[in-house]
C-alpha cells in the first residue's frame, strides 16, 4: 500500500488509522512496521523499482540506467562474438526493455538506437531473433 499526498501529513496518525481500520474489518493481514517507510518530497522515493524524484518525475535512476546500458552492450558484444546468452537471460533483457520503456520511453528508445548504431544491428530485432531460434 502506498499513501501519497501533496501536503505534509502525520505518517503515524495515518498508519494508526489504517491499522485500526484493518482490525475493525477483521482483515487477514496487518501493517508490518519493519516494512513501513516514509518518503519525503525531497526525492529518492523508490517504489516498484522506479523513483519519484524531487521534480515529481518518475525515473529509473542513474544506477539502473547505467546497469541497463551495460547489459545491452554485453548482450550485443557477446552475440557478435558467438557467445550467445541463454534464453532466460534474453527474456529478462526483453522484459527490462518493455518495463523501462513504460517508465522513460524517450531515454530507452535513445539508448536502444545508440547501441543499435554502435553494433550495426537493431537490438530489439536481435533479441526477437534469438528468442525465436
Protein backbone atom coordinates (compact mmCIF):
# COMPACT_ATOMS: atom_id res chain seq x y z
CA UNK A 1 0.00 0.00 0.00
CA UNK A 2 1.37 3.38 -0.94
CA UNK A 3 -0.09 6.53 0.60
CA UNK A 4 0.79 9.80 -1.04
CA UNK A 5 -0.31 13.38 -0.55
CA UNK A 6 0.68 16.78 -1.93
CA UNK A 7 0.65 18.28 1.55
CA UNK A 8 2.63 17.19 4.59
CA UNK A 9 0.82 14.81 6.94
CA UNK A 10 1.38 12.93 10.17
CA UNK A 11 2.50 9.49 9.00
CA UNK A 12 1.99 7.95 12.44
CA UNK A 13 -1.65 9.12 12.51
CA UNK A 14 -2.27 7.67 9.05
CA UNK A 15 -0.57 4.40 9.96
CA UNK A 16 -2.67 4.07 13.11
CA UNK A 17 -5.86 4.84 11.18
CA UNK A 18 -5.07 2.17 8.56
CA UNK A 19 -4.10 -0.34 11.24
CA UNK A 20 -7.28 0.34 13.25
CA UNK A 21 -9.41 0.04 10.11
CA UNK A 22 -7.84 -3.31 9.22
CA UNK A 23 -8.51 -4.57 12.74
CA UNK A 24 -12.10 -3.28 12.67
CA UNK A 25 -12.79 -5.23 9.48
CA UNK A 26 -11.00 -8.35 10.74
CA UNK A 27 -8.62 -8.17 7.81
CA UNK A 28 -6.42 -11.25 7.41
CA UNK A 29 -3.32 -9.05 7.22
CA UNK A 30 -1.74 -6.18 9.12
CA UNK A 31 0.86 -3.46 8.72
CA UNK A 32 4.40 -4.68 9.30
CA UNK A 33 6.41 -1.92 10.98
CA UNK A 34 9.68 -3.29 9.53
CA UNK A 35 8.29 -2.82 6.02
CA UNK A 36 6.79 0.59 6.68
CA UNK A 37 8.71 3.61 5.46
CA UNK A 38 8.17 7.27 4.86
CA UNK A 39 9.44 9.17 1.84
CA UNK A 40 9.59 12.92 1.65
CA UNK A 41 9.09 15.20 -1.34
CA UNK A 42 12.87 15.77 -1.41
CA UNK A 43 13.26 12.83 -3.79
CA UNK A 44 14.70 9.32 -3.61
CA UNK A 45 11.28 7.75 -3.14
CA UNK A 46 11.68 4.24 -4.59
CA UNK A 47 8.58 2.19 -5.37
CA UNK A 48 8.26 -0.76 -7.75
CA UNK A 49 11.82 -0.24 -8.96
CA UNK A 50 11.32 3.36 -10.02
CA UNK A 51 11.93 6.64 -8.25
CA UNK A 52 9.84 9.74 -7.87
CA UNK A 53 12.46 12.48 -7.93
CA UNK A 54 12.35 15.96 -6.40
CA UNK A 55 10.65 17.31 -9.55
CA UNK A 56 7.82 14.74 -9.20
CA UNK A 57 9.08 12.89 -12.27
CA UNK A 58 9.21 9.11 -12.40
CA UNK A 59 12.69 7.88 -13.29
CA UNK A 60 14.70 4.68 -13.38
CA UNK A 61 17.56 6.32 -11.52
CA UNK A 62 21.19 6.72 -12.53
CA UNK A 63 22.39 3.32 -11.27
CA UNK A 64 19.66 1.36 -13.06
CA UNK A 65 20.27 3.27 -16.31
CA UNK A 66 23.98 2.51 -16.12
CA UNK A 67 23.31 -1.20 -15.46
CA UNK A 68 20.83 -1.30 -18.35
CA UNK A 69 23.31 0.18 -20.82
CA UNK A 70 25.98 -2.28 -19.68
CA UNK A 71 23.56 -5.18 -20.10
CA UNK A 72 22.69 -4.18 -23.66
CA UNK A 73 26.35 -3.63 -24.52
CA UNK A 74 27.32 -7.04 -23.09
CA UNK A 75 24.47 -8.77 -24.92
CA UNK A 76 25.36 -7.26 -28.28
CA UNK A 77 29.11 -7.83 -27.82
CA UNK A 78 28.59 -11.45 -26.70
CA UNK A 79 26.19 -12.06 -29.57
CA UNK A 80 28.67 -10.69 -32.10
CA UNK A 81 31.49 -12.88 -30.73
CA UNK A 82 29.35 -16.03 -30.87
CA UNK A 83 28.85 -16.31 -27.11
CA UNK A 84 25.06 -16.14 -27.17
CA UNK A 85 23.09 -15.75 -23.97
CA UNK A 86 20.72 -18.40 -22.71
CA UNK A 87 17.02 -17.96 -23.39
CA UNK A 88 16.13 -16.90 -19.85
CA UNK A 89 18.70 -14.07 -19.80
CA UNK A 90 17.47 -12.80 -23.17
CA UNK A 91 13.88 -12.87 -21.90
CA UNK A 92 14.95 -10.87 -18.84
CA UNK A 93 16.60 -8.25 -21.07
CA UNK A 94 13.49 -8.05 -23.27
CA UNK A 95 11.31 -7.66 -20.18
CA UNK A 96 13.51 -4.87 -18.84
CA UNK A 97 13.27 -3.05 -22.16
CA UNK A 98 9.46 -3.24 -22.02
CA UNK A 99 9.21 -2.18 -18.37
CA UNK A 100 11.80 0.59 -18.60
CA UNK A 101 10.19 1.91 -21.78
CA UNK A 102 6.93 2.38 -19.83
CA UNK A 103 8.84 4.48 -17.30
CA UNK A 104 11.17 6.54 -19.52
CA UNK A 105 10.24 5.89 -23.14
CA UNK A 106 12.39 8.58 -24.77
CA UNK A 107 15.51 7.62 -22.83
CA UNK A 108 15.13 3.88 -23.54
CA UNK A 109 14.49 4.49 -27.25
CA UNK A 110 17.59 6.73 -27.34
CA UNK A 111 19.76 4.05 -25.67
CA UNK A 112 18.45 1.29 -27.96
CA UNK A 113 19.17 3.40 -31.05
CA UNK A 114 22.61 4.34 -29.73
CA UNK A 115 23.61 0.70 -29.17
CA UNK A 116 21.97 -0.49 -32.40
CA UNK A 117 24.03 2.08 -34.32
CA UNK A 118 27.19 1.22 -32.37
CA UNK A 119 26.90 -2.52 -33.07
CA UNK A 120 25.44 -2.24 -36.58
CA UNK A 121 22.38 -4.32 -35.68
CA UNK A 122 18.99 -3.49 -34.21
CA UNK A 123 19.00 -4.58 -30.56
CA UNK A 124 15.32 -5.48 -30.40
CA UNK A 125 15.42 -7.43 -33.67
CA UNK A 126 18.43 -9.35 -32.36
CA UNK A 127 16.52 -10.24 -29.19
CA UNK A 128 13.49 -11.38 -31.17
CA UNK A 129 15.67 -13.44 -33.50
CA UNK A 130 17.47 -15.12 -30.61
CA UNK A 131 14.19 -15.91 -28.84
CA UNK A 132 12.64 -17.41 -31.96
CA UNK A 133 15.68 -19.56 -32.74
